[in-house]
Amino acid sequence: MQRVYIVKMKLYECNQQFIYKIGKSSSKRSTDRMLEVIRSFFQSYRYTPFCKLLRDRECINGFEIETKLHQHFKSQQYYFDKKFDGHSEFFLCREDELLKVYDELLPLKAKR
């Protein structure tokens, strides 16, 4: 199983706007992957951004869902001037639109 997640980040370089990382993880917890990205970001920029995990759902087709989300928001991709782990998976888009598309691709399962 894989997980597809969205992390909300606030950066100093981005005029205090929020950007969003759309990613997938093969581990049981997306927080592990989120912390790997934050660590790598710190090594490049020497500060830790504000981060909040907005969505994190398990699925069997994580790569496919992540690719669809990246394609949908391609015109709103955020480019960094320094490279770090996951740097190409950030988007400067509207949060409500991002969450709507995510929820359509990965609907919540009813609890039994």
PDB file of N, CA and C in Angstrom:
ATOM      1  N   MET A   1       0.834  -1.195   0.000  1.00  0.00           N
ATOM      2  CA  MET A   1       0.000   0.000   0.000  1.00  0.00           C
ATOM      3  C   MET A   1       0.871   1.247   0.000  1.00  0.00           C
ATOM      4  N   GLN A   2       0.328   2.288  -0.548  1.00  0.00           N
ATOM      5  CA  GLN A   2       1.001   3.581  -0.576  1.00  0.00           C
ATOM      6  C   GLN A   2       0.099   4.621   0.058  1.00  0.00           C
ATOM      7  N   ARG A   3       0.660   5.782   0.278  1.00  0.00           N
ATOM      8  CA  ARG A   3      -0.103   6.898   0.827  1.00  0.00           C
ATOM      9  C   ARG A   3       0.124   8.112  -0.072  1.00  0.00           C
ATOM     10  N   VAL A   4      -0.905   8.894  -0.281  1.00  0.00           N
ATOM     11  CA  VAL A   4      -0.788  10.154  -1.011  1.00  0.00           C
ATOM     12  C   VAL A   4      -1.146  11.252  -0.017  1.00  0.00           C
ATOM     13  N   TYR A   5      -0.304  12.271   0.027  1.00  0.00           N
ATOM     14  CA  TYR A   5      -0.475  13.307   1.048  1.00  0.00           C
ATOM     15  C   TYR A   5      -0.324  14.706   0.460  1.00  0.00           C
ATOM     16  N   ILE A   6      -0.815  15.678   1.207  1.00  0.00           N
ATOM     17  CA  ILE A   6      -0.641  17.097   0.891  1.00  0.00           C
ATOM     18  C   ILE A   6      -0.106  17.775   2.145  1.00  0.00           C
ATOM     19  N   VAL A   7       0.984  18.501   1.975  1.00  0.00           N
ATOM     20  CA  VAL A   7       1.581  19.274   3.070  1.00  0.00           C
ATOM     21  C   VAL A   7       1.499  20.747   2.707  1.00  0.00           C
ATOM     22  N   LYS A   8       1.018  21.546   3.633  1.00  0.00           N
ATOM     23  CA  LYS A   8       0.938  22.992   3.478  1.00  0.00           C
ATOM     24  C   LYS A   8       2.192  23.589   4.114  1.00  0.00           C
ATOM     25  N   MET A   9       2.897  24.467   3.364  1.00  0.00           N
ATOM     26  CA  MET A   9       4.131  25.067   3.871  1.00  0.00           C
ATOM     27  C   MET A   9       4.103  26.572   3.690  1.00  0.00           C
ATOM     28  N   LYS A  10       4.686  27.262   4.642  1.00  0.00           N
ATOM     29  CA  LYS A  10       4.845  28.716   4.552  1.00  0.00           C
ATOM     30  C   LYS A  10       6.337  29.006   4.474  1.00  0.00           C
ATOM     31  N   LEU A  11       6.733  29.730   3.421  1.00  0.00           N
ATOM     32  CA  LEU A  11       8.137  30.022   3.187  1.00  0.00           C
ATOM     33  C   LEU A  11       8.402  31.523   3.266  1.00  0.00           C
ATOM     34  N   TYR A  12       9.572  31.885   3.712  1.00  0.00           N
ATOM     35  CA  TYR A  12       9.970  33.294   3.741  1.00  0.00           C
ATOM     36  C   TYR A  12      10.137  33.828   2.330  1.00  0.00           C
ATOM     37  N   GLU A  13      10.672  33.010   1.418  1.00  0.00           N
ATOM     38  CA  GLU A  13      10.914  33.448   0.040  1.00  0.00           C
ATOM     39  C   GLU A  13       9.635  33.711  -0.740  1.00  0.00           C
ATOM     40  N   CYS A  14       8.558  33.202  -0.276  1.00  0.00           N
ATOM     41  CA  CYS A  14       7.296  33.227  -1.017  1.00  0.00           C
ATOM     42  C   CYS A  14       6.360  34.314  -0.495  1.00  0.00           C
ATOM     43  N   ASN A  15       6.942  35.395   0.028  1.00  0.00           N
ATOM     44  CA  ASN A  15       6.148  36.507   0.576  1.00  0.00           C
ATOM     45  C   ASN A  15       5.115  36.041   1.590  1.00  0.00           C
ATOM     46  N   GLN A  16       5.504  35.066   2.374  1.00  0.00           N
ATOM     47  CA  GLN A  16       4.639  34.518   3.420  1.00  0.00           C
ATOM     48  C   GLN A  16       3.382  33.846   2.875  1.00  0.00           C
ATOM     49  N   GLN A  17       3.348  33.522   1.584  1.00  0.00           N
ATOM     50  CA  GLN A  17       2.225  32.766   1.030  1.00  0.00           C
ATOM     51  C   GLN A  17       2.429  31.289   1.337  1.00  0.00           C
ATOM     52  N   PHE A  18       1.347  30.532   1.207  1.00  0.00           N
ATOM     53  CA  PHE A  18       1.438  29.094   1.390  1.00  0.00           C
ATOM     54  C   PHE A  18       1.675  28.415   0.050  1.00  0.00           C
ATOM     55  N   ILE A  19       2.491  27.375   0.079  1.00  0.00           N
ATOM     56  CA  ILE A  19       2.641  26.492  -1.062  1.00  0.00           C
ATOM     57  C   ILE A  19       2.299  25.092  -0.574  1.00  0.00           C
ATOM     58  N   TYR A  20       2.083  24.179  -1.512  1.00  0.00           N
ATOM     59  CA  TYR A  20       1.601  22.849  -1.144  1.00  0.00           C
ATOM     60  C   TYR A  20       2.456  21.782  -1.811  1.00  0.00           C
ATOM     61  N   LYS A  21       2.870  20.816  -1.023  1.00  0.00           N
ATOM     62  CA  LYS A  21       3.598  19.668  -1.558  1.00  0.00           C
ATOM     63  C   LYS A  21       2.609  18.531  -1.743  1.00  0.00           C
ATOM     64  N   ILE A  22       2.576  18.015  -2.953  1.00  0.00           N
ATOM     65  CA  ILE A  22       1.756  16.845  -3.275  1.00  0.00           C
ATOM     66  C   ILE A  22       2.727  15.688  -3.429  1.00  0.00           C
ATOM     67  N   GLY A  23       2.585  14.680  -2.590  1.00  0.00           N
ATOM     68  CA  GLY A  23       3.536  13.583  -2.650  1.00  0.00           C
ATOM     69  C   GLY A  23       2.918  12.247  -2.323  1.00  0.00           C
ATOM     70  N   LYS A  24       3.745  11.225  -2.458  1.00  0.00           N
ATOM     71  CA  LYS A  24       3.322   9.880  -2.076  1.00  0.00           C
ATOM     72  C   LYS A  24       4.409   9.272  -1.217  1.00  0.00           C
ATOM     73  N   SER A  25       4.000   8.302  -0.434  1.00  0.00           N
ATOM     74  CA  SER A  25       4.928   7.629   0.467  1.00  0.00           C
ATOM     75  C   SER A  25       4.628   6.137   0.434  1.00  0.00           C
ATOM     76  N   SER A  26       5.675   5.359   0.497  1.00  0.00           N
ATOM     77  CA  SER A  26       5.492   3.906   0.550  1.00  0.00           C
ATOM     78  C   SER A  26       5.539   3.385   1.980  1.00  0.00           C
ATOM     79  N   SER A  27       5.834   4.271   2.931  1.00  0.00           N
ATOM     80  CA  SER A  27       5.868   3.841   4.332  1.00  0.00           C
ATOM     81  C   SER A  27       4.463   3.922   4.932  1.00  0.00           C
ATOM     82  N   LYS A  28       4.316   3.435   6.131  1.00  0.00           N
ATOM     83  CA  LYS A  28       3.010   3.438   6.794  1.00  0.00           C
ATOM     84  C   LYS A  28       2.582   4.835   7.224  1.00  0.00           C
ATOM     85  N   ARG A  29       3.561   5.746   7.342  1.00  0.00           N
ATOM     86  CA  ARG A  29       3.253   7.102   7.814  1.00  0.00           C
ATOM     87  C   ARG A  29       3.831   8.138   6.863  1.00  0.00           C
ATOM     88  N   SER A  30       2.978   9.006   6.355  1.00  0.00           N
ATOM     89  CA  SER A  30       3.445  10.087   5.490  1.00  0.00           C
ATOM     90  C   SER A  30       4.264  11.106   6.270  1.00  0.00           C
ATOM     91  N   THR A  31       4.075  11.145   7.579  1.00  0.00           N
ATOM     92  CA  THR A  31       4.861  12.087   8.379  1.00  0.00           C
ATOM     93  C   THR A  31       6.354  11.784   8.279  1.00  0.00           C
ATOM     94  N   ASP A  32       6.711  10.513   8.125  1.00  0.00           N
ATOM     95  CA  ASP A  32       8.127  10.173   7.951  1.00  0.00           C
ATOM     96  C   ASP A  32       8.674  10.852   6.693  1.00  0.00           C
ATOM     97  N   ARG A  33       7.936  10.761   5.616  1.00  0.00           N
ATOM     98  CA  ARG A  33       8.368  11.385   4.360  1.00  0.00           C
ATOM     99  C   ARG A  33       8.384  12.902   4.495  1.00  0.00           C
ATOM    100  N   MET A  34       7.374  13.466   5.136  1.00  0.00           N
ATOM    101  CA  MET A  34       7.313  14.905   5.334  1.00  0.00           C
ATOM    102  C   MET A  34       8.559  15.391   6.085  1.00  0.00           C
ATOM    103  N   LEU A  35       8.961  14.671   7.114  1.00  0.00           N
ATOM    104  CA  LEU A  35      10.135  15.065   7.891  1.00  0.00           C
ATOM    105  C   LEU A  35      11.431  14.919   7.087  1.00  0.00           C
ATOM    106  N   GLU A  36      11.487  13.939   6.196  1.00  0.00           N
ATOM    107  CA  GLU A  36      12.651  13.811   5.304  1.00  0.00           C
ATOM    108  C   GLU A  36      12.772  15.050   4.412  1.00  0.00           C
ATOM    109  N   VAL A  37      11.650  15.507   3.869  1.00  0.00           N
ATOM    110  CA  VAL A  37      11.647  16.681   2.993  1.00  0.00           C
ATOM    111  C   VAL A  37      12.043  17.929   3.790  1.00  0.00           C
ATOM    112  N   ILE A  38      11.495  18.081   4.988  1.00  0.00           N
ATOM    113  CA  ILE A  38      11.824  19.239   5.819  1.00  0.00           C
ATOM    114  C   ILE A  38      13.313  19.251   6.158  1.00  0.00           C
ATOM    115  N   ARG A  39      13.856  18.091   6.476  1.00  0.00           N
ATOM    116  CA  ARG A  39      15.285  17.999   6.793  1.00  0.00           C
ATOM    117  C   ARG A  39      16.130  18.412   5.587  1.00  0.00           C
ATOM    118  N   SER A  40      15.776  17.910   4.416  1.00  0.00           N
ATOM    119  CA  SER A  40      16.502  18.245   3.201  1.00  0.00           C
ATOM    120  C   SER A  40      16.362  19.737   2.881  1.00  0.00           C
ATOM    121  N   PHE A  41      15.159  20.284   3.077  1.00  0.00           N
ATOM    122  CA  PHE A  41      14.930  21.717   2.873  1.00  0.00           C
ATOM    123  C   PHE A  41      15.854  22.522   3.790  1.00  0.00           C
ATOM    124  N   PHE A  42      15.927  22.129   5.047  1.00  0.00           N
ATOM    125  CA  PHE A  42      16.780  22.832   6.014  1.00  0.00           C
ATOM    126  C   PHE A  42      18.245  22.814   5.568  1.00  0.00           C
ATOM    127  N   GLN A  43      18.693  21.700   5.059  1.00  0.00           N
ATOM    128  CA  GLN A  43      20.084  21.606   4.622  1.00  0.00           C
ATOM    129  C   GLN A  43      20.385  22.569   3.468  1.00  0.00           C
ATOM    130  N   SER A  44      19.394  22.872   2.640  1.00  0.00           N
ATOM    131  CA  SER A  44      19.580  23.816   1.536  1.00  0.00           C
ATOM    132  C   SER A  44      19.370  25.265   1.944  1.00  0.00           C
ATOM    133  N   TYR A  45      18.365  25.527   2.786  1.00  0.00           N
ATOM    134  CA  TYR A  45      17.965  26.902   3.091  1.00  0.00           C
ATOM    135  C   TYR A  45      18.310  27.374   4.501  1.00  0.00           C
ATOM    136  N   ARG A  46      18.700  26.471   5.358  1.00  0.00           N
ATOM    137  CA  ARG A  46      19.121  26.786   6.734  1.00  0.00           C
ATOM    138  C   ARG A  46      18.002  27.360   7.600  1.00  0.00           C
ATOM    139  N   TYR A  47      16.787  27.034   7.304  1.00  0.00           N
ATOM    140  CA  TYR A  47      15.658  27.289   8.200  1.00  0.00           C
ATOM    141  C   TYR A  47      14.597  26.238   7.960  1.00  0.00           C
ATOM    142  N   THR A  48      13.710  26.080   8.904  1.00  0.00           N
ATOM    143  CA  THR A  48      12.632  25.111   8.809  1.00  0.00           C
ATOM    144  C   THR A  48      11.320  25.849   8.565  1.00  0.00           C
ATOM    145  N   PRO A  49      10.616  25.536   7.486  1.00  0.00           N
ATOM    146  CA  PRO A  49       9.349  26.211   7.209  1.00  0.00           C
ATOM    147  C   PRO A  49       8.223  25.683   8.097  1.00  0.00           C
ATOM    148  N   PHE A  50       7.182  26.488   8.229  1.00  0.00           N
ATOM    149  CA  PHE A  50       5.956  26.022   8.878  1.00  0.00           C
ATOM    150  C   PHE A  50       5.358  24.942   7.980  1.00  0.00           C
ATOM    151  N   CYS A  51       4.967  23.816   8.548  1.00  0.00           N
ATOM    152  CA  CYS A  51       4.368  22.724   7.775  1.00  0.00           C
ATOM    153  C   CYS A  51       3.149  22.164   8.497  1.00  0.00           C
ATOM    154  N   LYS A  52       2.154  21.825   7.714  1.00  0.00           N
ATOM    155  CA  LYS A  52       0.956  21.194   8.257  1.00  0.00           C
ATOM    156  C   LYS A  52       0.491  20.124   7.269  1.00  0.00           C
ATOM    157  N   LEU A  53       0.291  18.917   7.771  1.00  0.00           N
ATOM    158  CA  LEU A  53      -0.198  17.822   6.941  1.00  0.00           C
ATOM    159  C   LEU A  53      -1.712  17.986   6.784  1.00  0.00           C
ATOM    160  N   LEU A  54      -2.163  18.279   5.557  1.00  0.00           N
ATOM    161  CA  LEU A  54      -3.590  18.524   5.308  1.00  0.00           C
ATOM    162  C   LEU A  54      -4.362  17.268   4.940  1.00  0.00           C
ATOM    163  N   ARG A  55      -3.738  16.394   4.167  1.00  0.00           N
ATOM    164  CA  ARG A  55      -4.388  15.162   3.742  1.00  0.00           C
ATOM    165  C   ARG A  55      -3.353  14.043   3.751  1.00  0.00           C
ATOM    166  N   ASP A  56      -3.829  12.849   4.049  1.00  0.00           N
ATOM    167  CA  ASP A  56      -2.961  11.679   4.087  1.00  0.00           C
ATOM    168  C   ASP A  56      -3.861  10.445   4.025  1.00  0.00           C
ATOM    169  N   ARG A  57      -3.921   9.827   2.846  1.00  0.00           N
ATOM    170  CA  ARG A  57      -4.798   8.670   2.680  1.00  0.00           C
ATOM    171  C   ARG A  57      -4.063   7.515   2.021  1.00  0.00           C
ATOM    172  N   GLU A  58      -4.441   6.343   2.448  1.00  0.00           N
ATOM    173  CA  GLU A  58      -3.862   5.121   1.917  1.00  0.00           C
ATOM    174  C   GLU A  58      -4.574   4.748   0.619  1.00  0.00           C
ATOM    175  N   CYS A  59      -3.798   4.205  -0.339  1.00  0.00           N
ATOM    176  CA  CYS A  59      -4.381   3.752  -1.596  1.00  0.00           C
ATOM    177  C   CYS A  59      -3.456   2.723  -2.235  1.00  0.00           C
ATOM    178  N   ILE A  60      -3.955   2.039  -3.235  1.00  0.00           N
ATOM    179  CA  ILE A  60      -3.128   1.036  -3.918  1.00  0.00           C
ATOM    180  C   ILE A  60      -2.448   1.615  -5.154  1.00  0.00           C
ATOM    181  N   ASN A  61      -2.912   2.753  -5.636  1.00  0.00           N
ATOM    182  CA  ASN A  61      -2.383   3.362  -6.853  1.00  0.00           C
ATOM    183  C   ASN A  61      -1.806   4.754  -6.585  1.00  0.00           C
ATOM    184  N   GLY A  62      -0.967   4.856  -5.590  1.00  0.00           N
ATOM    185  CA  GLY A  62      -0.425   6.141  -5.164  1.00  0.00           C
ATOM    186  C   GLY A  62       0.317   6.892  -6.249  1.00  0.00           C
ATOM    187  N   PHE A  63       1.133   6.191  -7.026  1.00  0.00           N
ATOM    188  CA  PHE A  63       1.881   6.862  -8.086  1.00  0.00           C
ATOM    189  C   PHE A  63       0.935   7.483  -9.105  1.00  0.00           C
ATOM    190  N   GLU A  64      -0.117   6.760  -9.466  1.00  0.00           N
ATOM    191  CA  GLU A  64      -1.098   7.249 -10.443  1.00  0.00           C
ATOM    192  C   GLU A  64      -1.840   8.484  -9.911  1.00  0.00           C
ATOM    193  N   ILE A  65      -2.269   8.438  -8.655  1.00  0.00           N
ATOM    194  CA  ILE A  65      -2.988   9.569  -8.054  1.00  0.00           C
ATOM    195  C   ILE A  65      -2.062  10.780  -7.960  1.00  0.00           C
ATOM    196  N   GLU A  66      -0.847  10.574  -7.504  1.00  0.00           N
ATOM    197  CA  GLU A  66       0.112  11.677  -7.400  1.00  0.00           C
ATOM    198  C   GLU A  66       0.347  12.309  -8.777  1.00  0.00           C
ATOM    199  N   THR A  67       0.516  11.484  -9.804  1.00  0.00           N
ATOM    200  CA  THR A  67       0.745  11.979 -11.158  1.00  0.00           C
ATOM    201  C   THR A  67      -0.442  12.799 -11.651  1.00  0.00           C
ATOM    202  N   LYS A  68      -1.650  12.323 -11.399  1.00  0.00           N
ATOM    203  CA  LYS A  68      -2.851  13.071 -11.813  1.00  0.00           C
ATOM    204  C   LYS A  68      -2.916  14.432 -11.121  1.00  0.00           C
ATOM    205  N   LEU A  69      -2.601  14.469  -9.829  1.00  0.00           N
ATOM    206  CA  LEU A  69      -2.603  15.744  -9.101  1.00  0.00           C
ATOM    207  C   LEU A  69      -1.528  16.680  -9.644  1.00  0.00           C
ATOM    208  N   HIS A  70      -0.333  16.160  -9.886  1.00  0.00           N
ATOM    209  CA  HIS A  70       0.746  16.991 -10.433  1.00  0.00           C
ATOM    210  C   HIS A  70       0.357  17.547 -11.805  1.00  0.00           C
ATOM    211  N   GLN A  71      -0.246  16.724 -12.642  1.00  0.00           N
ATOM    212  CA  GLN A  71      -0.663  17.183 -13.970  1.00  0.00           C
ATOM    213  C   GLN A  71      -1.752  18.252 -13.873  1.00  0.00           C
ATOM    214  N   HIS A  72      -2.698  18.055 -12.964  1.00  0.00           N
ATOM    215  CA  HIS A  72      -3.795  19.010 -12.811  1.00  0.00           C
ATOM    216  C   HIS A  72      -3.278  20.396 -12.427  1.00  0.00           C
ATOM    217  N   PHE A  73      -2.267  20.445 -11.568  1.00  0.00           N
ATOM    218  CA  PHE A  73      -1.758  21.721 -11.059  1.00  0.00           C
ATOM    219  C   PHE A  73      -0.427  22.135 -11.703  1.00  0.00           C
ATOM    220  N   LYS A  74      -0.074  21.505 -12.811  1.00  0.00           N
ATOM    221  CA  LYS A  74       1.212  21.751 -13.469  1.00  0.00           C
ATOM    222  C   LYS A  74       1.471  23.233 -13.744  1.00  0.00           C
ATOM    223  N   SER A  75       0.467  23.961 -14.174  1.00  0.00           N
ATOM    224  CA  SER A  75       0.656  25.385 -14.493  1.00  0.00           C
ATOM    225  C   SER A  75       0.891  26.231 -13.245  1.00  0.00           C
ATOM    226  N   GLN A  76       0.693  25.639 -12.075  1.00  0.00           N
ATOM    227  CA  GLN A  76       0.868  26.369 -10.816  1.00  0.00           C
ATOM    228  C   GLN A  76       2.046  25.821 -10.001  1.00  0.00           C
ATOM    229  N   GLN A  77       2.940  25.114 -10.686  1.00  0.00           N
ATOM    230  CA  GLN A  77       4.094  24.535  -9.990  1.00  0.00           C
ATOM    231  C   GLN A  77       4.982  25.649  -9.451  1.00  0.00           C
ATOM    232  N   TYR A  78       5.510  25.436  -8.249  1.00  0.00           N
ATOM    233  CA  TYR A  78       6.408  26.394  -7.613  1.00  0.00           C
ATOM    234  C   TYR A  78       7.844  25.912  -7.811  1.00  0.00           C
ATOM    235  N   TYR A  79       8.701  26.805  -8.287  1.00  0.00           N
ATOM    236  CA  TYR A  79      10.090  26.458  -8.551  1.00  0.00           C
ATOM    237  C   TYR A  79      11.006  27.106  -7.511  1.00  0.00           C
ATOM    238  N   PHE A  80      11.852  26.305  -6.922  1.00  0.00           N
ATOM    239  CA  PHE A  80      12.830  26.780  -5.942  1.00  0.00           C
ATOM    240  C   PHE A  80      14.135  27.118  -6.645  1.00  0.00           C
ATOM    241  N   ASP A  81      14.912  28.009  -6.053  1.00  0.00           N
ATOM    242  CA  ASP A  81      16.220  28.335  -6.626  1.00  0.00           C
ATOM    243  C   ASP A  81      17.306  27.371  -6.149  1.00  0.00           C
ATOM    244  N   LYS A  82      17.003  26.549  -5.159  1.00  0.00           N
ATOM    245  CA  LYS A  82      17.931  25.527  -4.671  1.00  0.00           C
ATOM    246  C   LYS A  82      17.218  24.184  -4.694  1.00  0.00           C
ATOM    247  N   LYS A  83      17.988  23.127  -4.922  1.00  0.00           N
ATOM    248  CA  LYS A  83      17.401  21.787  -4.949  1.00  0.00           C
ATOM    249  C   LYS A  83      17.455  21.135  -3.569  1.00  0.00           C
ATOM    250  N   PHE A  84      16.439  20.357  -3.284  1.00  0.00           N
ATOM    251  CA  PHE A  84      16.376  19.521  -2.087  1.00  0.00           C
ATOM    252  C   PHE A  84      15.421  18.380  -2.389  1.00  0.00           C
ATOM    253  N   ASP A  85      15.379  17.401  -1.537  1.00  0.00           N
ATOM    254  CA  ASP A  85      14.545  16.224  -1.743  1.00  0.00           C
ATOM    255  C   ASP A  85      13.076  16.632  -1.855  1.00  0.00           C
ATOM    256  N   GLY A  86      12.448  16.352  -2.983  1.00  0.00           N
ATOM    257  CA  GLY A  86      11.035  16.682  -3.177  1.00  0.00           C
ATOM    258  C   GLY A  86      10.785  18.070  -3.738  1.00  0.00           C
ATOM    259  N   HIS A  87      11.828  18.793  -4.124  1.00  0.00           N
ATOM    260  CA  HIS A  87      11.670  20.194  -4.541  1.00  0.00           C
ATOM    261  C   HIS A  87      10.775  20.399  -5.761  1.00  0.00           C
ATOM    262  N   SER A  88      10.584  19.385  -6.575  1.00  0.00           N
ATOM    263  CA  SER A  88       9.797  19.537  -7.799  1.00  0.00           C
ATOM    264  C   SER A  88       8.316  19.204  -7.616  1.00  0.00           C
ATOM    265  N   GLU A  89       7.890  18.983  -6.384  1.00  0.00           N
ATOM    266  CA  GLU A  89       6.507  18.563  -6.133  1.00  0.00           C
ATOM    267  C   GLU A  89       5.714  19.604  -5.352  1.00  0.00           C
ATOM    268  N   PHE A  90       6.062  20.876  -5.510  1.00  0.00           N
ATOM    269  CA  PHE A  90       5.387  21.957  -4.797  1.00  0.00           C
ATOM    270  C   PHE A  90       4.571  22.802  -5.764  1.00  0.00           C
ATOM    271  N   PHE A  91       3.445  23.319  -5.258  1.00  0.00           N
ATOM    272  CA  PHE A  91       2.522  24.068  -6.095  1.00  0.00           C
ATOM    273  C   PHE A  91       1.995  25.281  -5.332  1.00  0.00           C
ATOM    274  N   LEU A  92       1.872  26.375  -6.056  1.00  0.00           N
ATOM    275  CA  LEU A  92       1.318  27.619  -5.513  1.00  0.00           C
ATOM    276  C   LEU A  92      -0.092  27.729  -6.081  1.00  0.00           C
ATOM    277  N   CYS A  93      -1.052  27.158  -5.363  1.00  0.00           N
ATOM    278  CA  CYS A  93      -2.413  27.061  -5.866  1.00  0.00           C
ATOM    279  C   CYS A  93      -3.393  27.359  -4.727  1.00  0.00           C
ATOM    280  N   ARG A  94      -4.661  27.387  -5.081  1.00  0.00           N
ATOM    281  CA  ARG A  94      -5.685  27.616  -4.064  1.00  0.00           C
ATOM    282  C   ARG A  94      -5.916  26.337  -3.280  1.00  0.00           C
ATOM    283  N   GLU A  95      -5.907  26.467  -1.963  1.00  0.00           N
ATOM    284  CA  GLU A  95      -6.067  25.300  -1.096  1.00  0.00           C
ATOM    285  C   GLU A  95      -7.402  24.602  -1.312  1.00  0.00           C
ATOM    286  N   ASP A  96      -8.472  25.360  -1.434  1.00  0.00           N
ATOM    287  CA  ASP A  96      -9.784  24.735  -1.590  1.00  0.00           C
ATOM    288  C   ASP A  96      -9.869  23.918  -2.881  1.00  0.00           C
ATOM    289  N   GLU A  97      -9.279  24.423  -3.949  1.00  0.00           N
ATOM    290  CA  GLU A  97      -9.287  23.679  -5.210  1.00  0.00           C
ATOM    291  C   GLU A  97      -8.444  22.404  -5.104  1.00  0.00           C
ATOM    292  N   LEU A  98      -7.280  22.514  -4.489  1.00  0.00           N
ATOM    293  CA  LEU A  98      -6.405  21.357  -4.314  1.00  0.00           C
ATOM    294  C   LEU A  98      -7.092  20.263  -3.505  1.00  0.00           C
ATOM    295  N   LEU A  99      -7.705  20.644  -2.392  1.00  0.00           N
ATOM    296  CA  LEU A  99      -8.368  19.653  -1.540  1.00  0.00           C
ATOM    297  C   LEU A  99      -9.579  19.035  -2.243  1.00  0.00           C
ATOM    298  N   LYS A 100     -10.275  19.824  -3.045  1.00  0.00           N
ATOM    299  CA  LYS A 100     -11.434  19.302  -3.790  1.00  0.00           C
ATOM    300  C   LYS A 100     -10.992  18.230  -4.787  1.00  0.00           C
ATOM    301  N   VAL A 101      -9.949  18.521  -5.547  1.00  0.00           N
ATOM    302  CA  VAL A 101      -9.456  17.555  -6.539  1.00  0.00           C
ATOM    303  C   VAL A 101      -8.928  16.305  -5.838  1.00  0.00           C
ATOM    304  N   TYR A 102      -8.181  16.501  -4.756  1.00  0.00           N
ATOM    305  CA  TYR A 102      -7.658  15.367  -3.983  1.00  0.00           C
ATOM    306  C   TYR A 102      -8.803  14.486  -3.482  1.00  0.00           C
ATOM    307  N   ASP A 103      -9.814  15.114  -2.888  1.00  0.00           N
ATOM    308  CA  ASP A 103     -10.942  14.356  -2.325  1.00  0.00           C
ATOM    309  C   ASP A 103     -11.738  13.622  -3.414  1.00  0.00           C
ATOM    310  N   GLU A 104     -11.777  14.184  -4.627  1.00  0.00           N
ATOM    311  CA  GLU A 104     -12.448  13.508  -5.727  1.00  0.00           C
ATOM    312  C   GLU A 104     -11.661  12.266  -6.171  1.00  0.00           C
ATOM    313  N   LEU A 105     -10.335  12.390  -6.177  1.00  0.00           N
ATOM    314  CA  LEU A 105      -9.491  11.256  -6.587  1.00  0.00           C
ATOM    315  C   LEU A 105      -9.359  10.203  -5.504  1.00  0.00           C
ATOM    316  N   LEU A 106      -9.388  10.648  -4.251  1.00  0.00           N
ATOM    317  CA  LEU A 106      -9.229   9.737  -3.099  1.00  0.00           C
ATOM    318  C   LEU A 106     -10.338  10.004  -2.081  1.00  0.00           C
ATOM    319  N   PRO A 107     -11.560   9.579  -2.358  1.00  0.00           N
ATOM    320  CA  PRO A 107     -12.650   9.835  -1.421  1.00  0.00           C
ATOM    321  C   PRO A 107     -12.437   9.087  -0.096  1.00  0.00           C
ATOM    322  N   LEU A 108     -12.938   9.677   0.974  1.00  0.00           N
ATOM    323  CA  LEU A 108     -12.881   9.014   2.281  1.00  0.00           C
ATOM    324  C   LEU A 108     -13.702   7.734   2.246  1.00  0.00           C
ATOM    325  N   LYS A 109     -13.173   6.714   2.865  1.00  0.00           N
ATOM    326  CA  LYS A 109     -13.918   5.461   2.966  1.00  0.00           C
ATOM    327  C   LYS A 109     -14.795   5.514   4.202  1.00  0.00           C
ATOM    328  N   ALA A 110     -15.993   4.986   4.079  1.00  0.00           N
ATOM    329  CA  ALA A 110     -16.895   4.951   5.233  1.00  0.00           C
ATOM    330  C   ALA A 110     -16.342   4.004   6.282  1.00  0.00           C
ATOM    331  N   LYS A 111     -16.401   4.454   7.534  1.00  0.00           N
ATOM    332  CA  LYS A 111     -15.920   3.597   8.629  1.00  0.00           C
ATOM    333  C   LYS A 111     -17.007   2.591   8.967  1.00  0.00           C
ATOM    334  N   ARG A 112     -16.577   1.382   9.284  1.00  0.00           N
ATOM    335  CA  ARG A 112     -17.534   0.324   9.622  1.00  0.00           C
ATOM    336  C   ARG A 112     -17.697   0.196  11.099  1.00  0.00           C
TER     337      ARG A 112
END
